[in-house]
């Protein structure tokens, strides 16, 4: 497991700019996330926590 935690907003910015989320852990604590965002994040290669 990685220690590189980033927020959902940071992860979405990386995906939209074409960057990979490999090596990052996305912190979903207490955040309401739309299904479309979850699909984008899962395709980006990050680990969702």
N, C-alpha and C. Protein backbone atom coordinates (compact mmCIF):
# COMPACT_ATOMS: atom_id res chain seq x y z
N UNK A 1 0.85 -1.19 0.00
CA UNK A 1 0.00 0.00 0.00
C UNK A 1 0.89 1.24 0.00
N UNK A 2 0.42 2.25 -0.63
CA UNK A 2 1.20 3.47 -0.77
C UNK A 2 0.86 4.48 0.31
N UNK A 3 1.78 5.39 0.58
CA UNK A 3 1.54 6.47 1.55
C UNK A 3 1.25 7.79 0.86
N UNK A 4 1.16 7.80 -0.46
CA UNK A 4 0.94 9.03 -1.21
C UNK A 4 -0.55 9.32 -1.32
N UNK A 5 -1.16 9.77 -0.23
CA UNK A 5 -2.60 10.05 -0.23
C UNK A 5 -2.87 11.41 -0.87
N UNK A 6 -3.88 11.43 -1.76
CA UNK A 6 -4.32 12.67 -2.36
C UNK A 6 -5.84 12.73 -2.25
N UNK A 7 -6.38 13.92 -2.36
CA UNK A 7 -7.83 14.10 -2.28
C UNK A 7 -8.48 13.72 -3.61
N UNK A 8 -9.78 13.57 -3.58
CA UNK A 8 -10.54 13.28 -4.79
C UNK A 8 -10.34 14.40 -5.82
N UNK A 9 -10.38 15.64 -5.37
CA UNK A 9 -10.21 16.78 -6.28
C UNK A 9 -8.84 16.74 -6.95
N UNK A 10 -7.79 16.44 -6.17
CA UNK A 10 -6.45 16.36 -6.75
C UNK A 10 -6.36 15.22 -7.75
N UNK A 11 -6.97 14.09 -7.44
CA UNK A 11 -6.94 12.94 -8.34
C UNK A 11 -7.65 13.26 -9.65
N UNK A 12 -8.80 13.90 -9.58
CA UNK A 12 -9.53 14.26 -10.79
C UNK A 12 -8.74 15.24 -11.66
N UNK A 13 -8.04 16.18 -11.03
CA UNK A 13 -7.20 17.12 -11.79
C UNK A 13 -6.10 16.38 -12.53
N UNK A 14 -5.48 15.40 -11.86
CA UNK A 14 -4.42 14.62 -12.50
C UNK A 14 -4.96 13.85 -13.70
N UNK A 15 -6.11 13.20 -13.53
CA UNK A 15 -6.71 12.43 -14.62
C UNK A 15 -7.04 13.33 -15.80
N UNK A 16 -7.65 14.47 -15.52
CA UNK A 16 -8.05 15.39 -16.59
C UNK A 16 -6.86 15.96 -17.34
N UNK A 17 -5.70 16.01 -16.69
CA UNK A 17 -4.50 16.50 -17.37
C UNK A 17 -3.68 15.37 -17.99
N UNK A 18 -4.24 14.13 -17.93
CA UNK A 18 -3.59 13.00 -18.59
C UNK A 18 -2.57 12.27 -17.74
N UNK A 19 -2.47 12.60 -16.47
CA UNK A 19 -1.51 11.95 -15.59
C UNK A 19 -2.09 10.66 -15.02
N UNK A 20 -1.22 9.73 -14.68
CA UNK A 20 -1.63 8.48 -14.07
C UNK A 20 -1.78 8.65 -12.56
N UNK A 21 -2.63 7.85 -11.97
CA UNK A 21 -2.78 7.85 -10.51
C UNK A 21 -2.00 6.70 -9.87
N UNK A 22 -1.23 6.00 -10.66
CA UNK A 22 -0.45 4.88 -10.14
C UNK A 22 0.48 5.38 -9.05
N UNK A 23 0.48 4.70 -7.93
CA UNK A 23 1.32 5.09 -6.81
C UNK A 23 0.64 6.02 -5.81
N UNK A 24 -0.59 6.44 -6.11
CA UNK A 24 -1.33 7.32 -5.22
C UNK A 24 -2.49 6.57 -4.57
N UNK A 25 -2.84 6.98 -3.39
CA UNK A 25 -4.01 6.47 -2.69
C UNK A 25 -4.99 7.62 -2.56
N UNK A 26 -6.24 7.40 -3.01
CA UNK A 26 -7.24 8.46 -3.02
C UNK A 26 -8.07 8.37 -1.75
N UNK A 27 -8.13 9.46 -1.01
CA UNK A 27 -8.82 9.50 0.26
C UNK A 27 -10.27 9.93 0.07
N UNK A 28 -11.21 9.00 0.31
CA UNK A 28 -12.63 9.27 0.14
C UNK A 28 -13.33 9.55 1.46
N UNK A 29 -12.61 9.70 2.54
CA UNK A 29 -13.22 9.88 3.86
C UNK A 29 -14.21 11.05 3.88
N UNK A 30 -15.44 10.76 4.25
CA UNK A 30 -16.49 11.76 4.46
C UNK A 30 -16.78 12.62 3.23
N UNK A 31 -16.62 12.05 2.05
CA UNK A 31 -16.85 12.82 0.83
C UNK A 31 -17.91 12.10 -0.01
N UNK A 32 -18.89 12.85 -0.47
CA UNK A 32 -19.88 12.30 -1.39
C UNK A 32 -19.30 12.44 -2.80
N UNK A 33 -19.16 11.31 -3.48
CA UNK A 33 -18.52 11.30 -4.80
C UNK A 33 -19.52 10.77 -5.82
N UNK A 34 -19.61 11.44 -6.95
CA UNK A 34 -20.50 11.00 -8.02
C UNK A 34 -19.94 9.74 -8.68
N UNK A 35 -20.83 8.89 -9.16
CA UNK A 35 -20.43 7.63 -9.79
C UNK A 35 -19.48 7.86 -10.96
N UNK A 36 -19.70 8.89 -11.75
CA UNK A 36 -18.83 9.18 -12.88
C UNK A 36 -17.40 9.44 -12.42
N UNK A 37 -17.25 10.17 -11.33
CA UNK A 37 -15.92 10.44 -10.79
C UNK A 37 -15.25 9.15 -10.32
N UNK A 38 -16.01 8.28 -9.69
CA UNK A 38 -15.45 7.01 -9.22
C UNK A 38 -14.93 6.19 -10.41
N UNK A 39 -15.68 6.18 -11.51
CA UNK A 39 -15.23 5.44 -12.69
C UNK A 39 -13.94 6.04 -13.24
N UNK A 40 -13.87 7.36 -13.31
CA UNK A 40 -12.65 8.02 -13.79
C UNK A 40 -11.47 7.67 -12.89
N UNK A 41 -11.68 7.71 -11.58
CA UNK A 41 -10.61 7.46 -10.64
C UNK A 41 -10.14 6.01 -10.71
N UNK A 42 -11.05 5.08 -10.87
CA UNK A 42 -10.66 3.67 -10.92
C UNK A 42 -9.88 3.37 -12.20
N UNK A 43 -10.20 4.06 -13.30
CA UNK A 43 -9.46 3.88 -14.54
C UNK A 43 -8.10 4.55 -14.49
N UNK A 44 -7.92 5.51 -13.58
CA UNK A 44 -6.66 6.25 -13.49
C UNK A 44 -5.55 5.49 -12.79
N UNK A 45 -5.85 4.36 -12.17
CA UNK A 45 -4.82 3.54 -11.56
C UNK A 45 -4.55 3.78 -10.11
N UNK A 46 -5.31 4.61 -9.45
CA UNK A 46 -5.08 4.87 -8.03
C UNK A 46 -5.73 3.84 -7.14
N UNK A 47 -5.38 3.86 -5.87
CA UNK A 47 -6.00 3.01 -4.88
C UNK A 47 -7.00 3.84 -4.10
N UNK A 48 -8.23 3.41 -4.03
CA UNK A 48 -9.28 4.17 -3.34
C UNK A 48 -9.39 3.70 -1.90
N UNK A 49 -9.30 4.65 -0.97
CA UNK A 49 -9.39 4.30 0.46
C UNK A 49 -10.51 5.08 1.11
